[in-house]
Amino acid sequence: MLMRRSHAISRQLARTVHPDVDPSASPLLARIAKTPDVRASELAALFGVGRGTMSRQLARLDELGLIERRADPDDSRGQLIRLTELGTRRSEDVRATGRAFLRTALRSWSDEDTALLAAQLARLNLDLGVPPDLD
């Protein structure tokens, strides 16, 4: 039940980015926003996907005008990726929508319960091997 709801929320947040975008785009945009001029290979490693998969995801974001790529001055084979102005706005929209959703869902929770949930989710992320800066 939790996984189904999580996937539904991910799809809803992805529609905030663009109606045709894959749900994986939201965390990808968030990561690019946090680390502009990141290499595709770094993103692939971070998200645990192959370079081909990452290349396809980035190509779609590029088609939608959400990212821009430029040659890596330190490695002519590589590209550096950053959000466009539109990509930045959409990434911020996703964050705002996600926060509003959580505020609504947890409005009846006490501060103590909310803090306990945050601590348990952080623990779960660690146990699942999710890097702390990815959550």
Protein backbone atom coordinates (compact mmCIF):
# COMPACT_ATOMS: atom_id res chain seq x y z
CA MET A 1 0.00 0.00 0.00
CA LEU A 2 2.78 2.43 0.93
CA MET A 3 4.69 1.70 -2.28
CA ARG A 4 1.60 2.23 -4.44
CA ARG A 5 0.88 5.53 -2.72
CA SER A 6 4.50 6.60 -3.08
CA HIS A 7 4.42 5.87 -6.83
CA ALA A 8 1.15 7.79 -7.20
CA ILE A 9 2.67 10.80 -5.42
CA SER A 10 5.78 10.58 -7.61
CA ARG A 11 3.61 10.60 -10.75
CA GLN A 12 1.65 13.58 -9.43
CA LEU A 13 4.84 15.52 -8.66
CA ALA A 14 6.28 14.64 -12.07
CA ARG A 15 3.22 16.20 -13.71
CA THR A 16 4.21 19.42 -11.95
CA VAL A 17 7.37 19.33 -14.08
CA HIS A 18 5.62 18.42 -17.34
CA PRO A 19 2.57 16.27 -18.19
CA ASP A 20 4.68 13.84 -20.23
CA VAL A 21 7.69 13.49 -17.95
CA ASP A 22 8.70 10.29 -16.16
CA PRO A 23 8.34 10.26 -12.34
CA SER A 24 12.11 9.82 -12.03
CA ALA A 25 12.53 13.36 -13.37
CA SER A 26 11.64 15.06 -10.09
CA PRO A 27 14.52 13.70 -8.00
CA LEU A 28 16.84 14.07 -10.98
CA LEU A 29 15.97 17.76 -11.36
CA ALA A 30 16.38 18.23 -7.60
CA ARG A 31 19.86 16.70 -7.73
CA ILE A 32 20.90 18.85 -10.70
CA ALA A 33 19.58 21.91 -8.85
CA LYS A 34 21.75 21.02 -5.83
CA THR A 35 24.86 20.31 -7.91
CA PRO A 36 24.93 22.39 -11.08
CA ASP A 37 27.53 21.43 -13.68
CA VAL A 38 27.26 17.78 -12.70
CA ARG A 39 28.36 15.06 -15.11
CA ALA A 40 25.88 12.50 -16.43
CA SER A 41 28.12 9.67 -15.21
CA GLU A 42 27.95 11.06 -11.67
CA LEU A 43 24.16 11.21 -11.85
CA ALA A 44 23.98 7.64 -13.17
CA ALA A 45 26.15 6.38 -10.32
CA LEU A 46 24.20 8.34 -7.72
CA PHE A 47 20.83 7.05 -8.90
CA GLY A 48 22.10 3.52 -9.51
CA VAL A 49 21.24 3.40 -13.21
CA GLY A 50 23.30 2.74 -16.31
CA ARG A 51 24.78 5.50 -18.41
CA GLY A 52 22.39 4.69 -21.26
CA THR A 53 19.36 5.05 -19.00
CA MET A 54 20.66 8.33 -17.63
CA SER A 55 21.43 9.56 -21.13
CA ARG A 56 17.82 8.90 -22.19
CA GLN A 57 16.42 10.65 -19.11
CA LEU A 58 18.65 13.67 -19.68
CA ALA A 59 17.78 13.77 -23.39
CA ARG A 60 14.08 14.00 -22.47
CA LEU A 61 14.73 16.80 -19.97
CA ASP A 62 16.80 18.57 -22.62
CA GLU A 63 13.96 18.22 -25.18
CA LEU A 64 11.60 19.83 -22.68
CA GLY A 65 14.00 22.74 -22.14
CA LEU A 66 14.59 21.85 -18.48
CA ILE A 67 18.35 21.30 -18.63
CA GLU A 68 21.27 22.55 -20.65
CA ARG A 69 24.47 20.71 -21.39
CA ARG A 70 27.88 22.12 -22.15
CA ALA A 71 31.25 20.58 -22.83
CA ASP A 72 33.36 19.77 -19.79
CA PRO A 73 36.47 21.96 -20.08
CA ASP A 74 38.47 19.33 -18.17
CA ASP A 75 37.34 16.37 -20.30
CA SER A 76 36.28 16.85 -23.92
CA ARG A 77 34.31 13.58 -23.81
CA GLY A 78 32.11 14.71 -20.94
CA GLN A 79 29.28 17.15 -20.55
CA LEU A 80 28.28 19.31 -17.63
CA ILE A 81 24.59 19.56 -16.88
CA ARG A 82 22.66 22.34 -15.21
CA LEU A 83 19.05 23.46 -15.03
CA THR A 84 17.70 26.09 -17.36
CA GLU A 85 15.61 28.92 -15.96
CA LEU A 86 12.51 26.86 -16.77
CA GLY A 87 14.04 23.79 -15.13
CA THR A 88 14.79 25.80 -11.99
CA ARG A 89 11.20 27.06 -11.82
CA ARG A 90 9.78 23.58 -12.33
CA SER A 91 12.12 22.09 -9.73
CA GLU A 92 11.01 24.73 -7.23
CA ASP A 93 7.36 24.02 -8.12
CA VAL A 94 7.88 20.32 -7.38
CA ARG A 95 9.43 21.11 -3.99
CA ALA A 96 6.61 23.50 -3.09
CA THR A 97 3.96 21.00 -4.20
CA GLY A 98 5.61 18.20 -2.22
CA ARG A 99 5.87 20.32 0.91
CA ALA A 100 2.24 21.43 0.62
CA PHE A 101 1.16 17.82 0.17
CA LEU A 102 3.05 16.75 3.30
CA ARG A 103 1.79 19.70 5.34
CA THR A 104 -1.77 18.73 4.44
CA ALA A 105 -1.23 15.02 5.08
CA LEU A 106 0.45 15.63 8.47
CA ARG A 107 -1.64 18.58 9.67
CA SER A 108 -3.18 16.56 12.51
CA TRP A 109 0.17 15.15 13.66
CA SER A 110 1.94 16.50 16.71
CA ASP A 111 5.42 17.98 16.40
CA GLU A 112 6.70 14.94 18.30
CA ASP A 113 5.07 12.51 15.85
CA THR A 114 6.43 14.45 12.87
CA ALA A 115 9.94 14.42 14.34
CA LEU A 116 9.67 10.68 15.02
CA LEU A 117 8.60 10.04 11.42
CA ALA A 118 11.53 12.10 10.11
CA ALA A 119 13.97 10.18 12.30
CA GLN A 120 12.58 6.80 11.24
CA LEU A 121 12.65 7.75 7.55
CA ALA A 122 16.27 8.88 7.91
CA ARG A 123 17.07 5.53 9.52
CA LEU A 124 15.27 3.65 6.75
CA ASN A 125 17.23 5.60 4.11
CA LEU A 126 20.50 4.67 5.82
CA ASP A 127 19.49 1.01 6.02
CA LEU A 128 18.57 1.09 2.32
CA GLY A 129 21.91 2.65 1.45
CA VAL A 130 20.49 5.98 0.28
CA PRO A 131 23.21 8.64 0.55
CA PRO A 132 22.22 11.24 3.17
CA ASP A 133 22.47 14.10 0.71
CA LEU A 134 20.07 12.40 -1.74
CA ASP A 135 17.03 12.36 0.51
